[in-house]
């Protein structure tokens, strides 16, 4: 027999499958209990644990964590849907997803960012700020003398106003902090 004589079977099988699906859907809509009850929506909004639309939800101000007066991260590269992120306070984590229970208050949703990538600690009165890589998979680097220097995991590194930091493989940010720049602070 010739193969062309059997080619009609493929469309016939597909038609039977489609017919079975239609009958099944009709049976579901007619059967008692087949109609779904509407899902009750919560009365209050639920804070997402992942960024939506590139927005970084800002947590409420807490008295135990003083607000950075004018601090922010200006996104230079790696996150096309974000321009800048205000620093939420002087003690927070940076990670891939927003997770306030673990103090991850700055979310940079990029695949080379670890869930708990780095921590930021600062003191506005002393105008001292520190960044610590928390054993992230792809590291955290600070640009010094026009080249990036990788932070040692767990070791606190002082950061200054206008420092450029690379988080993971591709996210680069400029720190805007109260106080001096690295060049002004390290002048002899």
Protein backbone atom coordinates (compact mmCIF):
# COMPACT_ATOMS: atom_id res chain seq x y z
CA UNK A 1 0.00 0.00 0.00
CA UNK A 2 1.01 3.55 -0.66
CA UNK A 3 1.62 5.96 2.24
CA UNK A 4 -0.63 8.61 0.68
CA UNK A 5 -3.64 6.32 1.21
CA UNK A 6 -3.11 6.49 4.99
CA UNK A 7 -2.62 10.28 5.34
CA UNK A 8 -6.35 10.84 5.91
CA UNK A 9 -6.00 9.20 9.34
CA UNK A 10 -4.08 12.17 10.86
CA UNK A 11 -6.83 14.77 10.32
CA UNK A 12 -9.48 12.25 11.38
CA UNK A 13 -7.68 11.55 14.69
CA UNK A 14 -7.25 15.28 15.37
CA UNK A 15 -10.97 15.86 14.67
CA UNK A 16 -11.95 13.08 17.09
CA UNK A 17 -9.71 14.58 19.80
CA UNK A 18 -11.26 18.03 19.29
CA UNK A 19 -14.76 16.55 19.45
CA UNK A 20 -13.94 14.73 22.71
CA UNK A 21 -12.66 17.99 24.23
CA UNK A 22 -15.81 19.88 23.26
CA UNK A 23 -18.03 17.14 24.73
CA UNK A 24 -15.95 17.15 27.93
CA UNK A 25 -16.28 20.94 28.34
CA UNK A 26 -20.04 20.73 27.76
CA UNK A 27 -20.30 17.96 30.35
CA UNK A 28 -18.40 20.07 32.88
CA UNK A 29 -20.68 23.06 32.39
CA UNK A 30 -23.87 20.98 32.72
CA UNK A 31 -22.82 18.68 35.58
CA UNK A 32 -23.88 19.66 39.12
CA UNK A 33 -20.99 21.34 40.87
CA UNK A 34 -19.37 21.87 37.49
CA UNK A 35 -19.67 25.62 37.74
CA UNK A 36 -16.97 27.19 39.80
CA UNK A 37 -17.79 29.51 42.62
CA UNK A 38 -16.26 32.96 42.24
CA UNK A 39 -13.00 33.39 44.09
CA UNK A 40 -13.35 35.73 47.03
CA UNK A 41 -10.91 38.60 46.70
CA UNK A 42 -9.11 39.77 49.85
CA UNK A 43 -10.36 43.04 51.30
CA UNK A 44 -6.85 44.48 51.71
CA UNK A 45 -4.09 44.40 49.11
CA UNK A 46 -1.40 41.80 49.63
CA UNK A 47 2.22 42.97 49.26
CA UNK A 48 3.89 40.97 46.47
CA UNK A 49 7.10 39.10 47.23
CA UNK A 50 8.30 39.61 43.68
CA UNK A 51 8.59 42.92 41.87
CA UNK A 52 5.80 43.62 39.40
CA UNK A 53 6.44 45.82 36.42
CA UNK A 54 9.91 46.64 37.70
CA UNK A 55 8.59 48.58 40.67
CA UNK A 56 10.31 48.22 44.01
CA UNK A 57 7.62 48.53 46.68
CA UNK A 58 8.74 50.79 49.51
CA UNK A 59 8.03 49.59 53.04
CA UNK A 60 6.52 51.83 55.67
CA UNK A 61 8.85 53.98 57.76
CA UNK A 62 9.79 52.43 61.10
CA UNK A 63 11.27 54.44 64.00
CA UNK A 64 13.95 51.80 64.66
CA UNK A 65 15.38 52.25 61.18
CA UNK A 66 16.17 55.92 60.48
CA UNK A 67 15.39 57.11 57.00
CA UNK A 68 18.29 58.04 54.73
CA UNK A 69 17.78 61.73 54.07
CA UNK A 70 18.51 61.81 50.33
CA UNK A 71 19.93 58.39 49.59
CA UNK A 72 19.10 56.51 46.43
CA UNK A 73 20.45 54.05 43.91
CA UNK A 74 20.57 55.36 40.35
CA UNK A 75 20.37 52.46 37.90
CA UNK A 76 23.11 52.83 35.27
CA UNK A 77 22.66 49.48 33.49
CA UNK A 78 21.11 46.04 33.79
CA UNK A 79 17.51 47.00 34.62
CA UNK A 80 15.92 48.81 31.70
CA UNK A 81 12.57 49.29 33.44
CA UNK A 82 13.99 51.15 36.46
CA UNK A 83 15.70 54.54 36.78
CA UNK A 84 16.33 54.96 40.50
CA UNK A 85 15.42 53.40 43.84
CA UNK A 86 15.15 55.46 47.03
CA UNK A 87 17.00 53.84 49.92
CA UNK A 88 14.36 52.60 52.40
CA UNK A 89 16.46 53.13 55.55
CA UNK A 90 20.02 52.74 56.87
CA UNK A 91 19.96 48.98 57.37
CA UNK A 92 18.56 46.80 54.60
CA UNK A 93 19.30 43.94 52.29
CA UNK A 94 19.57 43.91 48.52
CA UNK A 95 18.25 40.86 46.72
CA UNK A 96 16.43 39.53 43.72
CA UNK A 97 12.97 39.75 45.30
CA UNK A 98 11.39 42.07 47.85
CA UNK A 99 11.14 40.12 51.15
CA UNK A 100 10.61 42.32 54.24
CA UNK A 101 10.70 39.35 56.64
CA UNK A 102 14.39 38.89 55.69
CA UNK A 103 14.99 42.68 55.49
CA UNK A 104 15.38 42.52 51.68
CA UNK A 105 13.95 45.95 50.98
CA UNK A 106 15.64 46.69 47.65
CA UNK A 107 14.71 44.25 44.89
CA UNK A 108 16.76 44.02 41.70
CA UNK A 109 14.99 41.40 39.61
CA UNK A 110 17.81 40.10 37.43
CA UNK A 111 18.93 36.47 37.14
CA UNK A 112 22.48 37.02 38.44
CA UNK A 113 21.22 38.65 41.66
CA UNK A 114 20.97 36.26 44.62
CA UNK A 115 17.92 36.22 46.88
CA UNK A 116 20.06 37.72 49.67
CA UNK A 117 22.79 39.37 47.67
CA UNK A 118 24.22 42.17 49.84
CA UNK A 119 23.53 44.32 52.88
CA UNK A 120 23.73 48.08 53.30
CA UNK A 121 24.37 49.70 56.69
CA UNK A 122 24.78 53.43 57.24
CA UNK A 123 24.86 56.20 59.79
CA UNK A 124 23.63 59.60 58.60
CA UNK A 125 25.10 61.40 61.64
CA UNK A 126 28.61 60.09 60.93
CA UNK A 127 27.99 60.04 57.17
CA UNK A 128 29.47 56.56 56.96
CA UNK A 129 27.97 53.82 54.82
CA UNK A 130 29.00 50.20 54.33
CA UNK A 131 28.19 47.49 51.83
CA UNK A 132 28.70 43.77 52.48
CA UNK A 133 28.38 40.96 49.95
CA UNK A 134 26.47 38.11 51.63
CA UNK A 135 28.18 35.23 49.80
CA UNK A 136 26.20 35.90 46.63
CA UNK A 137 26.64 33.63 43.62
CA UNK A 138 27.92 36.31 41.22
CA UNK A 139 29.43 38.80 43.65
CA UNK A 140 29.33 42.53 44.32
CA UNK A 141 32.00 44.95 43.07
CA UNK A 142 32.87 48.59 43.71
CA UNK A 143 34.57 50.74 41.06
CA UNK A 144 37.83 52.17 42.38
CA UNK A 145 40.42 53.81 40.12
CA UNK A 146 38.26 53.09 37.05
CA UNK A 147 38.12 49.33 37.59
CA UNK A 148 35.73 47.12 39.53
CA UNK A 149 37.09 45.42 42.64
CA UNK A 150 35.19 42.38 43.90
CA UNK A 151 34.10 42.52 47.54
CA UNK A 152 35.12 39.60 49.72
CA UNK A 153 31.97 37.82 51.00
CA UNK A 154 31.14 38.83 54.57
CA UNK A 155 33.66 41.70 54.67
CA UNK A 156 32.25 45.20 55.19
CA UNK A 157 33.43 47.75 52.63
CA UNK A 158 32.95 51.48 53.11
CA UNK A 159 31.09 53.19 50.27
CA UNK A 160 30.86 56.89 49.48
CA UNK A 161 28.59 59.27 47.65
CA UNK A 162 28.84 58.75 43.88
CA UNK A 163 30.42 55.27 44.14
CA UNK A 164 29.50 52.91 41.31
CA UNK A 165 28.60 49.37 42.38
CA UNK A 166 28.06 46.31 40.21
CA UNK A 167 25.61 43.84 41.71
CA UNK A 168 25.73 40.42 40.05
CA UNK A 169 26.82 40.23 36.43
CA UNK A 170 25.03 43.14 34.84
CA UNK A 171 23.28 45.51 37.27
CA UNK A 172 25.33 48.67 37.80
CA UNK A 173 24.16 51.41 40.17
CA UNK A 174 25.48 54.76 41.38
CA UNK A 175 25.06 55.43 45.10
CA UNK A 176 23.71 58.88 45.93
CA UNK A 177 24.41 59.35 49.64
CA UNK A 178 24.73 62.29 52.01
CA UNK A 179 28.42 63.05 52.48
CA UNK A 180 31.64 63.19 50.57
CA UNK A 181 32.67 61.35 47.43
CA UNK A 182 35.48 58.77 47.62
CA UNK A 183 37.96 61.22 46.05
CA UNK A 184 37.16 63.98 48.55
CA UNK A 185 37.13 61.66 51.57
CA UNK A 186 40.41 59.90 50.74
CA UNK A 187 42.40 63.04 49.88
CA UNK A 188 45.47 63.49 52.05
